[in-house]
Amino acid sequence: MDKLTKDALANDQNMSPRDTGKQKKINLKILKFGCFPIIILFGLISIIAVFSDEKIEQTNVKKETIINKSEDTDEKTIEQLKREIESIDKGVDFSTYRGEIQSVQMEIVLFGAWAKNIIDAKNNKNKAINDLGEILESKVKRLQVKEFPLLRMAYKEAIYQKLWVENIETNVIGKGNRTIQFTGALFANNKNKQDTQNTLSNVLRQFRFKKVNYKWYKYDDEYTYYDMDTPNDNELVTFN
């Protein structure tokens, strides 16, 4: 037995009952206040663990909800693209897009709506949607090549009566109806040519005319013309 142990035993033996009681109280306090922080710590850890589990569960639920919504959106997109493809395969009735200028322009708006669906589909992360977007793109482009020459002629017919009363004759000429020609005494004046071009240029671009002629009479060999840098008929319609 070492000296420190002997001294401790001697101290215990020399302590009075009163001193022994005090020592026990001190030991109880030490035990109580020493263990209390540990108990609290374990309690906090347990609470944190529970909250963490709940938070993880909530996060997983949110992720699952997002995935489900994404899947629902993809399914709707796929169905929409299939409907658009089917409608083109069955044949689109463009007869309602005739007569008035606004009606003819609405067909161009339709091509613009298809173009937006195609661009969105090609940028989608879902490969099935990508593939359908490419199929729709191919069909829309072929349809545009067929329709735009008819649209240019329909535009000419829509404005013919309006300009005829102003003694202006309107014709669409050239391959693919890409040139529109205005003939009238009004265009003997260069300023009238410029003003008319400025007024009509945006609309003529929508119909993808490549050239505009202004003659002041039918046999005018020195007429004024404007070349227009417009997209080819097989390019998707955008309104940027």
Protein backbone atom coordinates (compact mmCIF):
# COMPACT_ATOMS: atom_id res chain seq x y z
CA MET A 1 0.00 0.00 0.00
CA ASP A 2 1.48 3.32 -1.06
CA LYS A 3 1.75 6.35 1.14
CA LEU A 4 -1.09 8.33 -0.57
CA THR A 5 -3.53 5.46 -0.05
CA LYS A 6 -2.48 5.10 3.57
CA ASP A 7 -2.97 8.80 4.13
CA ALA A 8 -6.43 8.64 2.51
CA LEU A 9 -7.46 5.73 4.74
CA ALA A 10 -6.08 7.48 7.74
CA ASN A 11 -8.07 10.59 6.88
CA ASP A 12 -11.24 8.52 6.45
CA GLN A 13 -10.63 6.80 9.81
CA ASN A 14 -9.92 10.09 11.53
CA MET A 15 -13.09 11.76 10.18
CA SER A 16 -15.95 12.19 12.57
CA PRO A 17 -19.51 11.01 11.73
CA ARG A 18 -20.40 14.69 11.14
CA ASP A 19 -17.48 15.10 8.74
CA THR A 20 -18.43 11.86 7.00
CA GLY A 21 -21.95 13.14 6.40
CA LYS A 22 -20.65 16.39 4.91
CA GLN A 23 -18.36 14.46 2.62
CA LYS A 24 -21.24 12.31 1.40
CA LYS A 25 -23.28 15.45 0.63
CA ILE A 26 -20.36 16.90 -1.27
CA ASN A 27 -19.95 13.67 -3.21
CA LEU A 28 -23.68 13.68 -4.04
CA LYS A 29 -23.47 17.29 -5.26
CA ILE A 30 -20.45 16.46 -7.39
CA LEU A 31 -22.28 13.46 -8.82
CA LYS A 32 -25.45 15.47 -9.38
CA PHE A 33 -23.87 18.55 -10.98
CA GLY A 34 -21.18 16.55 -12.76
CA CYS A 35 -23.67 14.22 -14.44
CA PHE A 36 -26.32 16.87 -15.13
CA PRO A 37 -24.45 18.48 -18.06
CA ILE A 38 -23.80 15.03 -19.48
CA ILE A 39 -27.49 14.17 -19.25
CA ILE A 40 -28.41 17.45 -20.93
CA LEU A 41 -25.82 16.83 -23.61
CA PHE A 42 -27.20 13.38 -24.37
CA GLY A 43 -30.71 14.84 -24.40
CA LEU A 44 -29.73 17.53 -26.88
CA ILE A 45 -28.00 14.97 -29.07
CA SER A 46 -31.12 12.83 -29.04
CA ILE A 47 -33.33 15.81 -29.93
CA ILE A 48 -30.97 16.91 -32.69
CA ALA A 49 -30.90 13.37 -34.03
CA VAL A 50 -34.70 13.24 -34.10
CA PHE A 51 -34.94 16.65 -35.79
CA SER A 52 -32.26 15.64 -38.27
CA ASP A 53 -34.16 12.47 -39.13
CA GLU A 54 -37.35 14.48 -39.59
CA LYS A 55 -35.55 17.05 -41.73
CA ILE A 56 -34.01 14.33 -43.90
CA GLU A 57 -37.41 12.71 -44.25
CA GLN A 58 -39.01 16.06 -45.19
CA THR A 59 -36.22 16.71 -47.71
CA ASN A 60 -36.73 13.28 -49.23
CA VAL A 61 -40.47 13.94 -49.48
CA LYS A 62 -39.80 17.27 -51.20
CA LYS A 63 -37.36 15.62 -53.60
CA GLU A 64 -39.88 12.90 -54.36
CA THR A 65 -42.59 15.54 -54.94
CA ILE A 66 -40.31 17.46 -57.31
CA ILE A 67 -39.47 14.26 -59.18
CA ASN A 68 -43.15 13.34 -59.44
CA LYS A 69 -44.03 16.82 -60.70
CA SER A 70 -41.19 16.63 -63.19
CA GLU A 71 -42.42 13.26 -64.41
CA ASP A 72 -45.96 14.61 -64.73
CA THR A 73 -44.66 17.60 -66.69
CA ASP A 74 -42.63 15.34 -68.97
CA GLU A 75 -45.66 13.14 -69.61
CA LYS A 76 -47.78 16.16 -70.51
CA THR A 77 -45.03 17.47 -72.80
CA ILE A 78 -44.72 14.10 -74.53
CA GLU A 79 -48.47 13.92 -75.06
CA GLN A 80 -48.56 17.47 -76.42
CA LEU A 81 -45.72 16.82 -78.87
CA LYS A 82 -47.41 13.62 -80.05
CA ARG A 83 -50.65 15.53 -80.66
CA GLU A 84 -48.83 18.19 -82.69
CA ILE A 85 -47.07 15.55 -84.80
CA GLU A 86 -50.33 13.69 -85.34
CA SER A 87 -52.15 16.88 -86.38
CA ILE A 88 -49.54 17.59 -89.06
CA ASP A 89 -49.64 13.98 -90.28
CA LYS A 90 -53.44 14.20 -90.64
CA GLY A 91 -53.11 17.48 -92.54
CA VAL A 92 -53.64 20.98 -91.20
CA ASP A 93 -56.52 23.00 -92.63
CA PHE A 94 -55.02 26.40 -93.40
CA SER A 95 -58.13 27.69 -95.18
CA THR A 96 -59.13 29.64 -92.07
CA TYR A 97 -55.86 31.61 -92.33
CA ARG A 98 -56.92 33.46 -95.47
CA GLY A 99 -58.78 36.59 -96.51
CA GLU A 100 -57.67 39.32 -94.11
CA ILE A 101 -54.08 40.34 -93.43
CA GLN A 102 -54.46 39.48 -89.74
CA SER A 103 -55.76 36.02 -90.63
CA VAL A 104 -52.80 35.32 -92.90
CA GLN A 105 -50.42 36.49 -90.18
CA MET A 106 -52.02 34.05 -87.72
CA GLU A 107 -50.61 31.15 -89.73
CA ILE A 108 -47.14 32.57 -89.13
CA VAL A 109 -48.00 32.80 -85.42
CA LEU A 110 -48.90 29.10 -85.53
CA PHE A 111 -45.49 28.28 -86.99
CA GLY A 112 -43.96 30.38 -84.22
CA ALA A 113 -45.82 28.35 -81.57
CA TRP A 114 -44.54 25.12 -83.10
CA ALA A 115 -41.02 26.54 -83.15
CA LYS A 116 -41.19 27.33 -79.43
CA ASN A 117 -42.33 23.78 -78.63
CA ILE A 118 -39.50 22.41 -80.76
CA ILE A 119 -36.82 24.55 -79.10
CA ASP A 120 -38.10 23.70 -75.60
CA ALA A 121 -38.18 20.00 -76.48
CA LYS A 122 -34.63 19.99 -77.84
CA ASN A 123 -33.39 21.72 -74.66
CA ASN A 124 -35.18 19.26 -72.38
CA LYS A 125 -33.17 16.71 -70.37
CA ASN A 126 -35.60 13.93 -71.27
CA LYS A 127 -34.35 12.03 -74.34
CA ALA A 128 -37.86 10.93 -75.33
CA ILE A 129 -38.85 14.61 -75.49
CA ASN A 130 -35.68 15.43 -77.47
CA ASP A 131 -36.54 12.77 -80.04
CA LEU A 132 -40.12 13.98 -80.42
CA GLY A 133 -38.86 17.55 -80.76
CA GLU A 134 -36.63 16.52 -83.66
CA ILE A 135 -39.49 14.70 -85.36
CA LEU A 136 -41.75 17.74 -85.00
CA GLU A 137 -38.98 20.03 -86.27
CA SER A 138 -38.53 17.99 -89.43
CA LYS A 139 -42.27 18.01 -90.16
CA VAL A 140 -42.72 21.73 -89.43
CA LYS A 141 -39.79 22.71 -91.66
CA ARG A 142 -41.18 20.71 -94.57
CA LEU A 143 -44.58 22.28 -94.00
CA GLN A 144 -43.09 25.78 -93.99
CA VAL A 145 -41.35 25.20 -97.33
CA LYS A 146 -44.75 24.30 -98.76
CA GLU A 147 -46.78 27.00 -97.02
CA PHE A 148 -44.67 30.18 -97.15
CA PRO A 149 -44.97 30.64 -100.95
CA LEU A 150 -48.76 30.28 -100.50
CA LEU A 151 -48.67 32.71 -97.58
CA ARG A 152 -46.92 35.33 -99.68
CA MET A 153 -49.55 34.98 -102.38
CA ALA A 154 -52.31 35.11 -99.75
CA TYR A 155 -50.80 38.32 -98.36
CA LYS A 156 -50.79 39.88 -101.83
CA GLU A 157 -54.44 38.98 -102.30
CA ALA A 158 -55.33 40.34 -98.85
CA ILE A 159 -53.86 43.78 -99.60
CA TYR A 160 -54.79 43.88 -103.29
CA GLN A 161 -58.23 45.46 -102.87
CA LYS A 162 -56.93 47.98 -100.32
CA LEU A 163 -54.20 49.17 -102.67
CA TRP A 164 -56.24 48.87 -105.87
CA VAL A 165 -58.53 51.72 -104.75
CA GLU A 166 -55.35 53.82 -104.41
CA ASN A 167 -54.44 52.94 -108.02
CA ILE A 168 -51.62 50.66 -106.92
CA GLU A 169 -51.25 47.26 -108.56
CA THR A 170 -49.71 44.47 -106.49
CA ASN A 171 -48.01 41.33 -107.83
CA VAL A 172 -45.97 38.50 -106.37
CA ILE A 173 -43.35 37.16 -108.78
CA GLY A 174 -40.22 35.02 -108.97
CA LYS A 175 -39.33 31.57 -107.72
CA GLY A 176 -41.17 30.72 -104.53
CA ASN A 177 -43.08 34.03 -104.74
CA ARG A 178 -40.15 35.72 -103.02
CA THR A 179 -40.53 39.12 -104.76
CA ILE A 180 -43.43 41.50 -104.23
CA GLN A 181 -43.97 44.32 -106.72
CA PHE A 182 -45.97 47.55 -106.32
CA THR A 183 -46.85 49.57 -109.41
CA GLY A 184 -48.52 52.98 -109.37
CA ALA A 185 -48.07 56.66 -110.22
CA LEU A 186 -47.50 57.25 -106.50
CA PHE A 187 -44.04 55.71 -106.92
CA ALA A 188 -42.85 58.31 -109.42
CA ASN A 189 -41.77 60.10 -106.26
CA ASN A 190 -38.75 58.56 -104.50
CA LYS A 191 -39.90 59.71 -101.08
CA ASN A 192 -43.13 57.77 -101.51
CA LYS A 193 -41.11 54.66 -102.29
CA GLN A 194 -39.01 55.10 -99.16
CA ASP A 195 -42.00 55.86 -96.93
CA THR A 196 -43.90 52.82 -98.22
CA GLN A 197 -40.89 50.57 -97.68
CA ASN A 198 -40.43 51.83 -94.13
CA THR A 199 -44.12 51.24 -93.40
CA LEU A 200 -44.31 47.73 -94.86
CA SER A 201 -40.84 46.37 -94.15
CA ASN A 202 -41.69 44.58 -90.87
CA VAL A 203 -44.73 42.85 -92.36
CA LEU A 204 -42.85 41.89 -95.51
CA ARG A 205 -40.11 40.37 -93.37
CA GLN A 206 -42.68 38.23 -91.56
CA PHE A 207 -43.67 36.73 -94.91
CA ARG A 208 -40.00 36.34 -95.82
CA PHE A 209 -40.04 38.30 -99.05
CA LYS A 210 -36.52 38.64 -100.41
CA LYS A 211 -37.10 41.59 -102.70
CA VAL A 212 -39.51 44.53 -103.07
CA ASN A 213 -39.97 46.37 -106.41
CA TYR A 214 -41.52 49.85 -106.78
CA LYS A 215 -42.59 50.90 -110.32
CA TRP A 216 -44.47 54.04 -111.25
CA TYR A 217 -45.87 52.39 -114.39
CA LYS A 218 -45.97 48.87 -115.83
CA TYR A 219 -43.07 49.26 -118.29
CA ASP A 220 -40.77 51.15 -115.94
CA ASP A 221 -37.32 49.66 -116.60
CA GLU A 222 -35.54 51.88 -114.09
CA TYR A 223 -37.63 50.95 -111.09
CA THR A 224 -36.42 51.06 -107.51
CA TYR A 225 -36.03 47.84 -105.56
CA TYR A 226 -35.02 46.84 -102.04
CA ASP A 227 -33.29 43.58 -101.14
CA MET A 228 -34.37 42.10 -97.83
CA ASP A 229 -32.29 39.81 -95.66
CA THR A 230 -34.96 37.39 -94.45
CA PRO A 231 -34.79 33.75 -93.26
CA ASN A 232 -35.23 30.88 -95.69
CA ASP A 233 -38.60 29.18 -95.68
CA ASN A 234 -37.24 26.09 -93.92
CA GLU A 235 -35.95 28.05 -90.91
CA LEU A 236 -38.05 28.01 -87.75
CA VAL A 237 -40.19 31.06 -87.08
CA THR A 238 -39.03 33.17 -84.13
CA PHE A 239 -40.17 36.59 -83.00
CA ASN A 240 -36.97 37.80 -81.30
